[in-house]
Amino acid sequence: FNTLSCVNAVTVQHPVKIYKFLKSIGSKYLQFIPIVE
């Protein structure tokens, strides 16, 4: 599995926290998708 994380007005405030979390759950391949609406 890969992980896909949307970067929005909330998540953008926590880059390192999110990155470390995704690693902690076993994700080896990370996708970050900016929300531009």
PDB file of all heavy atoms in Angstrom:
ATOM      1  N   PHE A   1       0.818  -1.203   0.000  1.00  0.00           N
ATOM      2  CA  PHE A   1       0.000   0.000   0.000  1.00  0.00           C
ATOM      3  C   PHE A   1       0.855   1.257   0.000  1.00  0.00           C
ATOM      4  O   PHE A   1       1.981   1.278   0.481  1.00  0.00           O
ATOM      5  CB  PHE A   1      -0.959   0.017   1.200  1.00  0.00           C
ATOM      6  CG  PHE A   1      -0.301   0.249   2.537  1.00  0.00           C
ATOM      7  CD1 PHE A   1      -0.203   1.531   3.074  1.00  0.00           C
ATOM      8  CD2 PHE A   1       0.209  -0.818   3.279  1.00  0.00           C
ATOM      9  CE1 PHE A   1       0.394   1.754   4.305  1.00  0.00           C
ATOM     10  CE2 PHE A   1       0.817  -0.607   4.517  1.00  0.00           C
ATOM     11  CZ  PHE A   1       0.907   0.689   5.026  1.00  0.00           C
ATOM     12  N   ASN A   2       0.297   2.306  -0.601  1.00  0.00           N
ATOM     13  CA  ASN A   2       0.811   3.658  -0.529  1.00  0.00           C
ATOM     14  C   ASN A   2      -0.166   4.483   0.290  1.00  0.00           C
ATOM     15  O   ASN A   2      -1.301   4.083   0.514  1.00  0.00           O
ATOM     16  CB  ASN A   2       0.935   4.299  -1.917  1.00  0.00           C
ATOM     17  CG  ASN A   2       1.758   3.525  -2.874  1.00  0.00           C
ATOM     18  OD1 ASN A   2       2.612   2.823  -2.463  1.00  0.00           O
ATOM     19  ND2 ASN A   2       1.500   3.648  -4.173  1.00  0.00           N
ATOM     20  N   THR A   3       0.262   5.654   0.729  1.00  0.00           N
ATOM     21  CA  THR A   3      -0.669   6.571   1.374  1.00  0.00           C
ATOM     22  C   THR A   3      -0.815   7.837   0.546  1.00  0.00           C
ATOM     23  O   THR A   3       0.146   8.316  -0.062  1.00  0.00           O
ATOM     24  CB  THR A   3      -0.217   6.952   2.795  1.00  0.00           C
ATOM     25  OG1 THR A   3       1.136   7.428   2.773  1.00  0.00           O
ATOM     26  CG2 THR A   3      -0.332   5.765   3.723  1.00  0.00           C
ATOM     27  N   LEU A   4      -2.028   8.342   0.512  1.00  0.00           N
ATOM     28  CA  LEU A   4      -2.331   9.598  -0.156  1.00  0.00           C
ATOM     29  C   LEU A   4      -2.903  10.542   0.886  1.00  0.00           C
ATOM     30  O   LEU A   4      -3.912  10.238   1.525  1.00  0.00           O
ATOM     31  CB  LEU A   4      -3.320   9.379  -1.305  1.00  0.00           C
ATOM     32  CG  LEU A   4      -3.657  10.590  -2.178  1.00  0.00           C
ATOM     33  CD1 LEU A   4      -4.051  10.120  -3.581  1.00  0.00           C
ATOM     34  CD2 LEU A   4      -4.806  11.408  -1.587  1.00  0.00           C
ATOM     35  N   SER A   5      -2.267  11.679   1.042  1.00  0.00           N
ATOM     36  CA  SER A   5      -2.697  12.657   2.033  1.00  0.00           C
ATOM     37  C   SER A   5      -2.976  13.984   1.349  1.00  0.00           C
ATOM     38  O   SER A   5      -2.135  14.487   0.596  1.00  0.00           O
ATOM     39  CB  SER A   5      -1.621  12.841   3.107  1.00  0.00           C
ATOM     40  OG  SER A   5      -1.259  11.594   3.692  1.00  0.00           O
ATOM     41  N   CYS A   6      -4.146  14.516   1.606  1.00  0.00           N
ATOM     42  CA  CYS A   6      -4.514  15.803   1.024  1.00  0.00           C
ATOM     43  C   CYS A   6      -4.000  16.935   1.902  1.00  0.00           C
ATOM     44  O   CYS A   6      -4.169  16.911   3.128  1.00  0.00           O
ATOM     45  CB  CYS A   6      -6.027  15.901   0.873  1.00  0.00           C
ATOM     46  SG  CYS A   6      -6.690  14.761  -0.374  1.00  0.00           S
ATOM     47  N   VAL A   7      -3.374  17.914   1.267  1.00  0.00           N
ATOM     48  CA  VAL A   7      -2.824  19.055   1.991  1.00  0.00           C
ATOM     49  C   VAL A   7      -3.796  20.212   1.839  1.00  0.00           C
ATOM     50  O   VAL A   7      -3.947  20.797   0.770  1.00  0.00           O
ATOM     51  CB  VAL A   7      -1.431  19.439   1.473  1.00  0.00           C
ATOM     52  CG1 VAL A   7      -0.807  20.493   2.393  1.00  0.00           C
ATOM     53  CG2 VAL A   7      -0.524  18.211   1.392  1.00  0.00           C
ATOM     54  N   ASN A   8      -4.478  20.519   2.922  1.00  0.00           N
ATOM     55  CA  ASN A   8      -5.508  21.546   2.912  1.00  0.00           C
ATOM     56  C   ASN A   8      -5.191  22.612   3.955  1.00  0.00           C
ATOM     57  O   ASN A   8      -4.086  22.640   4.510  1.00  0.00           O
ATOM     58  CB  ASN A   8      -6.880  20.914   3.147  1.00  0.00           C
ATOM     59  CG  ASN A   8      -6.906  20.057   4.415  1.00  0.00           C
ATOM     60  OD1 ASN A   8      -6.719  20.542   5.532  1.00  0.00           O
ATOM     61  ND2 ASN A   8      -7.130  18.748   4.235  1.00  0.00           N
ATOM     62  N   ALA A   9      -6.150  23.469   4.221  1.00  0.00           N
ATOM     63  CA  ALA A   9      -5.911  24.586   5.137  1.00  0.00           C
ATOM     64  C   ALA A   9      -5.569  24.123   6.555  1.00  0.00           C
ATOM     65  O   ALA A   9      -4.918  24.846   7.309  1.00  0.00           O
ATOM     66  CB  ALA A   9      -7.133  25.501   5.165  1.00  0.00           C
ATOM     67  N   VAL A  10      -5.997  22.910   6.923  1.00  0.00           N
ATOM     68  CA  VAL A  10      -5.698  22.372   8.247  1.00  0.00           C
ATOM     69  C   VAL A  10      -4.386  21.591   8.245  1.00  0.00           C
ATOM     70  O   VAL A  10      -3.479  21.850   9.042  1.00  0.00           O
ATOM     71  CB  VAL A  10      -6.851  21.474   8.753  1.00  0.00           C
ATOM     72  CG1 VAL A  10      -6.466  20.783  10.062  1.00  0.00           C
ATOM     73  CG2 VAL A  10      -8.126  22.286   8.935  1.00  0.00           C
ATOM     74  N   THR A  11      -4.273  20.612   7.351  1.00  0.00           N
ATOM     75  CA  THR A  11      -3.118  19.719   7.373  1.00  0.00           C
ATOM     76  C   THR A  11      -1.814  20.445   7.067  1.00  0.00           C
ATOM     77  O   THR A  11      -0.748  20.029   7.530  1.00  0.00           O
ATOM     78  CB  THR A  11      -3.307  18.560   6.376  1.00  0.00           C
ATOM     79  OG1 THR A  11      -3.570  19.091   5.072  1.00  0.00           O
ATOM     80  CG2 THR A  11      -4.480  17.689   6.784  1.00  0.00           C
ATOM     81  N   VAL A  12      -1.877  21.534   6.302  1.00  0.00           N
ATOM     82  CA  VAL A  12      -0.659  22.252   5.930  1.00  0.00           C
ATOM     83  C   VAL A  12       0.081  22.789   7.152  1.00  0.00           C
ATOM     84  O   VAL A  12       1.280  23.068   7.094  1.00  0.00           O
ATOM     85  CB  VAL A  12      -0.983  23.395   4.945  1.00  0.00           C
ATOM     86  CG1 VAL A  12      -1.639  24.584   5.678  1.00  0.00           C
ATOM     87  CG2 VAL A  12       0.256  23.846   4.194  1.00  0.00           C
ATOM     88  N   GLN A  13      -0.606  22.894   8.276  1.00  0.00           N
ATOM     89  CA  GLN A  13       0.001  23.411   9.497  1.00  0.00           C
ATOM     90  C   GLN A  13       0.840  22.385  10.250  1.00  0.00           C
ATOM     91  O   GLN A  13       1.530  22.729  11.209  1.00  0.00           O
ATOM     92  CB  GLN A  13      -1.099  23.946  10.423  1.00  0.00           C
ATOM     93  CG  GLN A  13      -1.986  25.018   9.801  1.00  0.00           C
ATOM     94  CD  GLN A  13      -3.165  25.375  10.687  1.00  0.00           C
ATOM     95  OE1 GLN A  13      -3.022  25.563  11.899  1.00  0.00           O
ATOM     96  NE2 GLN A  13      -4.357  25.441  10.119  1.00  0.00           N
ATOM     97  N   HIS A  14       0.830  21.117   9.798  1.00  0.00           N
ATOM     98  CA  HIS A  14       1.462  20.051  10.569  1.00  0.00           C
ATOM     99  C   HIS A  14       2.364  19.162   9.706  1.00  0.00           C
ATOM    100  O   HIS A  14       2.222  17.929   9.731  1.00  0.00           O
ATOM    101  CB  HIS A  14       0.379  19.196  11.248  1.00  0.00           C
ATOM    102  CG  HIS A  14      -0.629  19.975  12.022  1.00  0.00           C
ATOM    103  ND1 HIS A  14      -0.373  20.505  13.272  1.00  0.00           N
ATOM    104  CD2 HIS A  14      -1.900  20.346  11.702  1.00  0.00           C
ATOM    105  CE1 HIS A  14      -1.441  21.147  13.700  1.00  0.00           C
ATOM    106  NE2 HIS A  14      -2.376  21.079  12.789  1.00  0.00           N
ATOM    107  N   PRO A  15       3.294  19.712   8.942  1.00  0.00           N
ATOM    108  CA  PRO A  15       4.063  18.893   7.994  1.00  0.00           C
ATOM    109  C   PRO A  15       4.881  17.784   8.648  1.00  0.00           C
ATOM    110  O   PRO A  15       4.786  16.613   8.242  1.00  0.00           O
ATOM    111  CB  PRO A  15       4.973  19.916   7.298  1.00  0.00           C
ATOM    112  CG  PRO A  15       5.015  21.107   8.215  1.00  0.00           C
ATOM    113  CD  PRO A  15       3.676  21.141   8.875  1.00  0.00           C
ATOM    114  N   VAL A  16       5.693  18.107   9.632  1.00  0.00           N
ATOM    115  CA  VAL A  16       6.575  17.111  10.238  1.00  0.00           C
ATOM    116  C   VAL A  16       5.766  16.080  11.017  1.00  0.00           C
ATOM    117  O   VAL A  16       6.054  14.877  10.972  1.00  0.00           O
ATOM    118  CB  VAL A  16       7.622  17.797  11.141  1.00  0.00           C
ATOM    119  CG1 VAL A  16       8.467  16.759  11.873  1.00  0.00           C
ATOM    120  CG2 VAL A  16       8.518  18.722  10.309  1.00  0.00           C
ATOM    121  N   LYS A  17       4.743  16.546  11.712  1.00  0.00           N
ATOM    122  CA  LYS A  17       3.867  15.652  12.469  1.00  0.00           C
ATOM    123  C   LYS A  17       3.223  14.623  11.544  1.00  0.00           C
ATOM    124  O   LYS A  17       3.173  13.421  11.850  1.00  0.00           O
ATOM    125  CB  LYS A  17       2.804  16.470  13.185  1.00  0.00           C
ATOM    126  CG  LYS A  17       1.886  15.680  14.102  1.00  0.00           C
ATOM    127  CD  LYS A  17       0.906  16.630  14.787  1.00  0.00           C
ATOM    128  CE  LYS A  17       0.056  15.934  15.809  1.00  0.00           C
ATOM    129  NZ  LYS A  17      -0.870  16.907  16.494  1.00  0.00           N
ATOM    130  N   ILE A  18       2.728  15.075  10.387  1.00  0.00           N
ATOM    131  CA  ILE A  18       2.083  14.181   9.429  1.00  0.00           C
ATOM    132  C   ILE A  18       3.103  13.215   8.831  1.00  0.00           C
ATOM    133  O   ILE A  18       2.845  12.015   8.707  1.00  0.00           O
ATOM    134  CB  ILE A  18       1.372  14.994   8.327  1.00  0.00           C
ATOM    135  CG1 ILE A  18       0.157  15.720   8.921  1.00  0.00           C
ATOM    136  CG2 ILE A  18       0.957  14.103   7.167  1.00  0.00           C
ATOM    137  CD1 ILE A  18      -0.491  16.718   7.969  1.00  0.00           C
ATOM    138  N   TYR A  19       4.262  13.739   8.454  1.00  0.00           N
ATOM    139  CA  TYR A  19       5.302  12.904   7.856  1.00  0.00           C
ATOM    140  C   TYR A  19       5.722  11.787   8.808  1.00  0.00           C
ATOM    141  O   TYR A  19       5.799  10.609   8.416  1.00  0.00           O
ATOM    142  CB  TYR A  19       6.501  13.764   7.480  1.00  0.00           C
ATOM    143  CG  TYR A  19       7.652  13.000   6.867  1.00  0.00           C
ATOM    144  CD1 TYR A  19       7.508  12.355   5.648  1.00  0.00           C
ATOM    145  CD2 TYR A  19       8.890  12.927   7.515  1.00  0.00           C
ATOM    146  CE1 TYR A  19       8.566  11.651   5.078  1.00  0.00           C
ATOM    147  CE2 TYR A  19       9.950  12.236   6.952  1.00  0.00           C
ATOM    148  CZ  TYR A  19       9.778  11.595   5.744  1.00  0.00           C
ATOM    149  OH  TYR A  19      10.838  10.902   5.180  1.00  0.00           O
ATOM    150  N   LYS A  20       5.978  12.110  10.057  1.00  0.00           N
ATOM    151  CA  LYS A  20       6.392  11.099  11.033  1.00  0.00           C
ATOM    152  C   LYS A  20       5.266  10.103  11.299  1.00  0.00           C
ATOM    153  O   LYS A  20       5.517   8.906  11.473  1.00  0.00           O
ATOM    154  CB  LYS A  20       6.841  11.777  12.327  1.00  0.00           C
ATOM    155  CG  LYS A  20       8.164  12.528  12.191  1.00  0.00           C
ATOM    156  CD  LYS A  20       8.586  13.142  13.513  1.00  0.00           C
ATOM    157  CE  LYS A  20       9.965  13.810  13.388  1.00  0.00           C
ATOM    158  NZ  LYS A  20      10.395  14.441  14.672  1.00  0.00           N
ATOM    159  N   PHE A  21       4.041  10.590  11.318  1.00  0.00           N
ATOM    160  CA  PHE A  21       2.899   9.692  11.516  1.00  0.00           C
ATOM    161  C   PHE A  21       2.801   8.674  10.385  1.00  0.00           C
ATOM    162  O   PHE A  21       2.621   7.481  10.633  1.00  0.00           O
ATOM    163  CB  PHE A  21       1.607  10.504  11.622  1.00  0.00           C
ATOM    164  CG  PHE A  21       0.362   9.651  11.504  1.00  0.00           C
ATOM    165  CD1 PHE A  21      -0.096   8.913  12.572  1.00  0.00           C
ATOM    166  CD2 PHE A  21      -0.333   9.585  10.299  1.00  0.00           C
ATOM    167  CE1 PHE A  21      -1.226   8.113  12.454  1.00  0.00           C
ATOM    168  CE2 PHE A  21      -1.465   8.797  10.173  1.00  0.00           C
ATOM    169  CZ  PHE A  21      -1.916   8.056  11.252  1.00  0.00           C
ATOM    170  N   LEU A  22       2.893   9.145   9.141  1.00  0.00           N
ATOM    171  CA  LEU A  22       2.765   8.243   8.001  1.00  0.00           C
ATOM    172  C   LEU A  22       3.862   7.182   8.014  1.00  0.00           C
ATOM    173  O   LEU A  22       3.619   6.019   7.685  1.00  0.00           O
ATOM    174  CB  LEU A  22       2.784   9.034   6.691  1.00  0.00           C
ATOM    175  CG  LEU A  22       1.578   9.964   6.467  1.00  0.00           C
ATOM    176  CD1 LEU A  22       1.804  10.844   5.245  1.00  0.00           C
ATOM    177  CD2 LEU A  22       0.286   9.176   6.319  1.00  0.00           C
ATOM    178  N   LYS A  23       5.047   7.564   8.399  1.00  0.00           N
ATOM    179  CA  LYS A  23       6.123   6.575   8.536  1.00  0.00           C
ATOM    180  C   LYS A  23       5.794   5.575   9.647  1.00  0.00           C
ATOM    181  O   LYS A  23       6.051   4.376   9.519  1.00  0.00           O
ATOM    182  CB  LYS A  23       7.463   7.261   8.817  1.00  0.00           C
ATOM    183  CG  LYS A  23       8.045   8.026   7.654  1.00  0.00           C
ATOM    184  CD  LYS A  23       9.537   8.288   7.833  1.00  0.00           C
ATOM    185  CE  LYS A  23       9.818   9.111   9.081  1.00  0.00           C
ATOM    186  NZ  LYS A  23      11.280   9.296   9.296  1.00  0.00           N
ATOM    187  N   SER A  24       5.206   6.078  10.736  1.00  0.00           N
ATOM    188  CA  SER A  24       4.934   5.214  11.884  1.00  0.00           C
ATOM    189  C   SER A  24       3.892   4.142  11.589  1.00  0.00           C
ATOM    190  O   SER A  24       3.892   3.087  12.232  1.00  0.00           O
ATOM    191  CB  SER A  24       4.482   6.055  13.087  1.00  0.00           C
ATOM    192  OG  SER A  24       3.134   6.509  12.924  1.00  0.00           O
ATOM    193  N   ILE A  25       3.006   4.393  10.626  1.00  0.00           N
ATOM    194  CA  ILE A  25       1.984   3.391  10.295  1.00  0.00           C
ATOM    195  C   ILE A  25       2.450   2.448   9.191  1.00  0.00           C
ATOM    196  O   ILE A  25       1.688   1.616   8.709  1.00  0.00           O
ATOM    197  CB  ILE A  25       0.643   4.045   9.902  1.00  0.00           C
ATOM    198  CG1 ILE A  25       0.772   4.885   8.629  1.00  0.00           C
ATOM    199  CG2 ILE A  25       0.086   4.872  11.065  1.00  0.00           C
ATOM    200  CD1 ILE A  25      -0.567   5.385   8.087  1.00  0.00           C
ATOM    201  N   GLY A  26       3.717   2.579   8.786  1.00  0.00           N
ATOM    202  CA  GLY A  26       4.279   1.640   7.828  1.00  0.00           C
ATOM    203  C   GLY A  26       4.257   2.063   6.381  1.00  0.00           C
ATOM    204  O   GLY A  26       4.566   1.269   5.489  1.00  0.00           O
ATOM    205  N   SER A  27       3.906   3.324   6.104  1.00  0.00           N
ATOM    206  CA  SER A  27       3.883   3.793   4.725  1.00  0.00           C
ATOM    207  C   SER A  27       5.307   4.023   4.233  1.00  0.00           C
ATOM    208  O   SER A  27       6.084   4.746   4.857  1.00  0.00           O
ATOM    209  CB  SER A  27       3.072   5.079   4.604  1.00  0.00           C
ATOM    210  OG  SER A  27       3.045   5.524   3.253  1.00  0.00           O
ATOM    211  N   LYS A  28       5.633   3.425   3.105  1.00  0.00           N
ATOM    212  CA  LYS A  28       6.948   3.596   2.492  1.00  0.00           C
ATOM    213  C   LYS A  28       6.903   4.515   1.277  1.00  0.00           C
ATOM    214  O   LYS A  28       7.937   4.956   0.785  1.00  0.00           O
ATOM    215  CB  LYS A  28       7.506   2.236   2.046  1.00  0.00           C
ATOM    216  CG  LYS A  28       7.651   1.218   3.174  1.00  0.00           C
ATOM    217  CD  LYS A  28       8.722   1.601   4.158  1.00  0.00           C
ATOM    218  CE  LYS A  28       8.959   0.500   5.179  1.00  0.00           C
ATOM    219  NZ  LYS A  28       9.904   0.898   6.221  1.00  0.00           N
ATOM    220  N   TYR A  29       5.695   4.769   0.781  1.00  0.00           N
ATOM    221  CA  TYR A  29       5.527   5.610  -0.402  1.00  0.00           C
ATOM    222  C   TYR A  29       4.410   6.604  -0.115  1.00  0.00           C
ATOM    223  O   TYR A  29       3.259   6.209   0.068  1.00  0.00           O
ATOM    224  CB  TYR A  29       5.216   4.762  -1.635  1.00  0.00           C
ATOM    225  CG  TYR A  29       5.317   5.534  -2.930  1.00  0.00           C
ATOM    226  CD1 TYR A  29       6.514   5.604  -3.630  1.00  0.00           C
ATOM    227  CD2 TYR A  29       4.223   6.212  -3.435  1.00  0.00           C
ATOM    228  CE1 TYR A  29       6.617   6.315  -4.809  1.00  0.00           C
ATOM    229  CE2 TYR A  29       4.318   6.938  -4.617  1.00  0.00           C
ATOM    230  CZ  TYR A  29       5.514   6.980  -5.301  1.00  0.00           C
ATOM    231  OH  TYR A  29       5.622   7.699  -6.476  1.00  0.00           O
ATOM    232  N   LEU A  30       4.749   7.874  -0.090  1.00  0.00           N
ATOM    233  CA  LEU A  30       3.825   8.913   0.346  1.00  0.00           C
ATOM    234  C   LEU A  30       3.477   9.852  -0.812  1.00  0.00           C
ATOM    235  O   LEU A  30       4.362  10.289  -1.557  1.00  0.00           O
ATOM    236  CB  LEU A  30       4.450   9.747   1.472  1.00  0.00           C
ATOM    237  CG  LEU A  30       4.557   9.148   2.871  1.00  0.00           C
ATOM    238  CD1 LEU A  30       5.345   7.858   2.911  1.00  0.00           C
ATOM    239  CD2 LEU A  30       5.238  10.167   3.797  1.00  0.00           C
ATOM    240  N   GLN A  31       2.207  10.124  -0.950  1.00  0.00           N
ATOM    241  CA  GLN A  31       1.745  11.125  -1.914  1.00  0.00           C
ATOM    242  C   GLN A  31       1.062  12.264  -1.159  1.00  0.00           C
ATOM    243  O   GLN A  31       0.232  12.020  -0.289  1.00  0.00           O
ATOM    244  CB  GLN A  31       0.739  10.529  -2.901  1.00  0.00           C
ATOM    245  CG  GLN A  31       1.272   9.390  -3.743  1.00  0.00           C
ATOM    246  CD  GLN A  31       0.199   8.824  -4.647  1.00  0.00           C
ATOM    247  OE1 GLN A  31      -0.333   9.499  -5.528  1.00  0.00           O
ATOM    248  NE2 GLN A  31      -0.137   7.569  -4.428  1.00  0.00           N
ATOM    249  N   PHE A  32       1.413  13.481  -1.512  1.00  0.00           N
ATOM    250  CA  PHE A  32       0.778  14.660  -0.944  1.00  0.00           C
ATOM    251  C   PHE A  32       0.077  15.420  -2.066  1.00  0.00           C
ATOM    252  O   PHE A  32       0.710  15.829  -3.034  1.00  0.00           O
ATOM    253  CB  PHE A  32       1.804  15.545  -0.239  1.00  0.00           C
ATOM    254  CG  PHE A  32       2.430  14.894   0.956  1.00  0.00           C
ATOM    255  CD1 PHE A  32       3.747  14.436   0.912  1.00  0.00           C
ATOM    256  CD2 PHE A  32       1.714  14.720   2.118  1.00  0.00           C
ATOM    257  CE1 PHE A  32       4.328  13.826   2.016  1.00  0.00           C
ATOM    258  CE2 PHE A  32       2.282  14.102   3.229  1.00  0.00           C
ATOM    259  CZ  PHE A  32       3.584  13.660   3.179  1.00  0.00           C
ATOM    260  N   ILE A  33      -1.225  15.606  -1.923  1.00  0.00           N
ATOM    261  CA  ILE A  33      -2.045  16.239  -2.948  1.00  0.00           C
ATOM    262  C   ILE A  33      -2.549  17.574  -2.439  1.00  0.00           C
ATOM    263  O   ILE A  33      -3.306  17.627  -1.462  1.00  0.00           O
ATOM    264  CB  ILE A  33      -3.242  15.352  -3.340  1.00  0.00           C
ATOM    265  CG1 ILE A  33      -2.785  13.943  -3.742  1.00  0.00           C
ATOM    266  CG2 ILE A  33      -4.050  16.014  -4.460  1.00  0.00           C
ATOM    267  CD1 ILE A  33      -1.893  13.890  -4.939  1.00  0.00           C
ATOM    268  N   PRO A  34      -2.161  18.691  -3.059  1.00  0.00           N
ATOM    269  CA  PRO A  34      -2.640  19.991  -2.593  1.00  0.00           C
ATOM    270  C   PRO A  34      -4.108  20.214  -2.965  1.00  0.00           C
ATOM    271  O   PRO A  34      -4.525  19.927  -4.094  1.00  0.00           O
ATOM    272  CB  PRO A  34      -1.733  20.986  -3.325  1.00  0.00           C
ATOM    273  CG  PRO A  34      -1.329  20.268  -4.589  1.00  0.00           C
ATOM    274  CD  PRO A  34      -1.242  18.804  -4.217  1.00  0.00           C
ATOM    275  N   ILE A  35      -4.883  20.693  -2.030  1.00  0.00           N
ATOM    276  CA  ILE A  35      -6.275  21.049  -2.291  1.00  0.00           C
ATOM    277  C   ILE A  35      -6.311  22.486  -2.784  1.00  0.00           C
ATOM    278  O   ILE A  35      -6.035  23.425  -2.033  1.00  0.00           O
ATOM    279  CB  ILE A  35      -7.144  20.883  -1.032  1.00  0.00           C
ATOM    280  CG1 ILE A  35      -7.146  19.415  -0.578  1.00  0.00           C
ATOM    281  CG2 ILE A  35      -8.569  21.368  -1.278  1.00  0.00           C
ATOM    282  CD1 ILE A  35      -7.711  18.441  -1.577  1.00  0.00           C
ATOM    283  N   VAL A  36      -6.624  22.646  -4.061  1.00  0.00           N
ATOM    284  CA  VAL A  36      -6.660  23.963  -4.693  1.00  0.00           C
ATOM    285  C   VAL A  36      -8.036  24.148  -5.310  1.00  0.00           C
ATOM    286  O   VAL A  36      -8.267  23.856  -6.486  1.00  0.00           O
ATOM    287  CB  VAL A  36      -5.554  24.108  -5.755  1.00  0.00           C
ATOM    288  CG1 VAL A  36      -5.577  25.515  -6.362  1.00  0.00           C
ATOM    289  CG2 VAL A  36      -4.185  23.822  -5.151  1.00  0.00           C
ATOM    290  N   GLU A  37      -8.981  24.564  -4.511  1.00  0.00           N
ATOM    291  CA  GLU A  37     -10.350  24.758  -4.970  1.00  0.00           C
ATOM    292  C   GLU A  37     -10.770  26.210  -4.738  1.00  0.00           C
ATOM    293  O   GLU A  37     -10.479  26.800  -3.700  1.00  0.00           O
ATOM    294  CB  GLU A  37     -11.323  23.822  -4.247  1.00  0.00           C
ATOM    295  CG  GLU A  37     -11.021  22.331  -4.422  1.00  0.00           C
ATOM    296  CD  GLU A  37     -11.174  21.840  -5.856  1.00  0.00           C
ATOM    297  OE1 GLU A  37     -11.785  22.581  -6.684  1.00  0.00           O
ATOM    298  OE2 GLU A  37     -10.687  20.736  -6.158  1.00  0.00           O
TER     299      GLU A  37
END
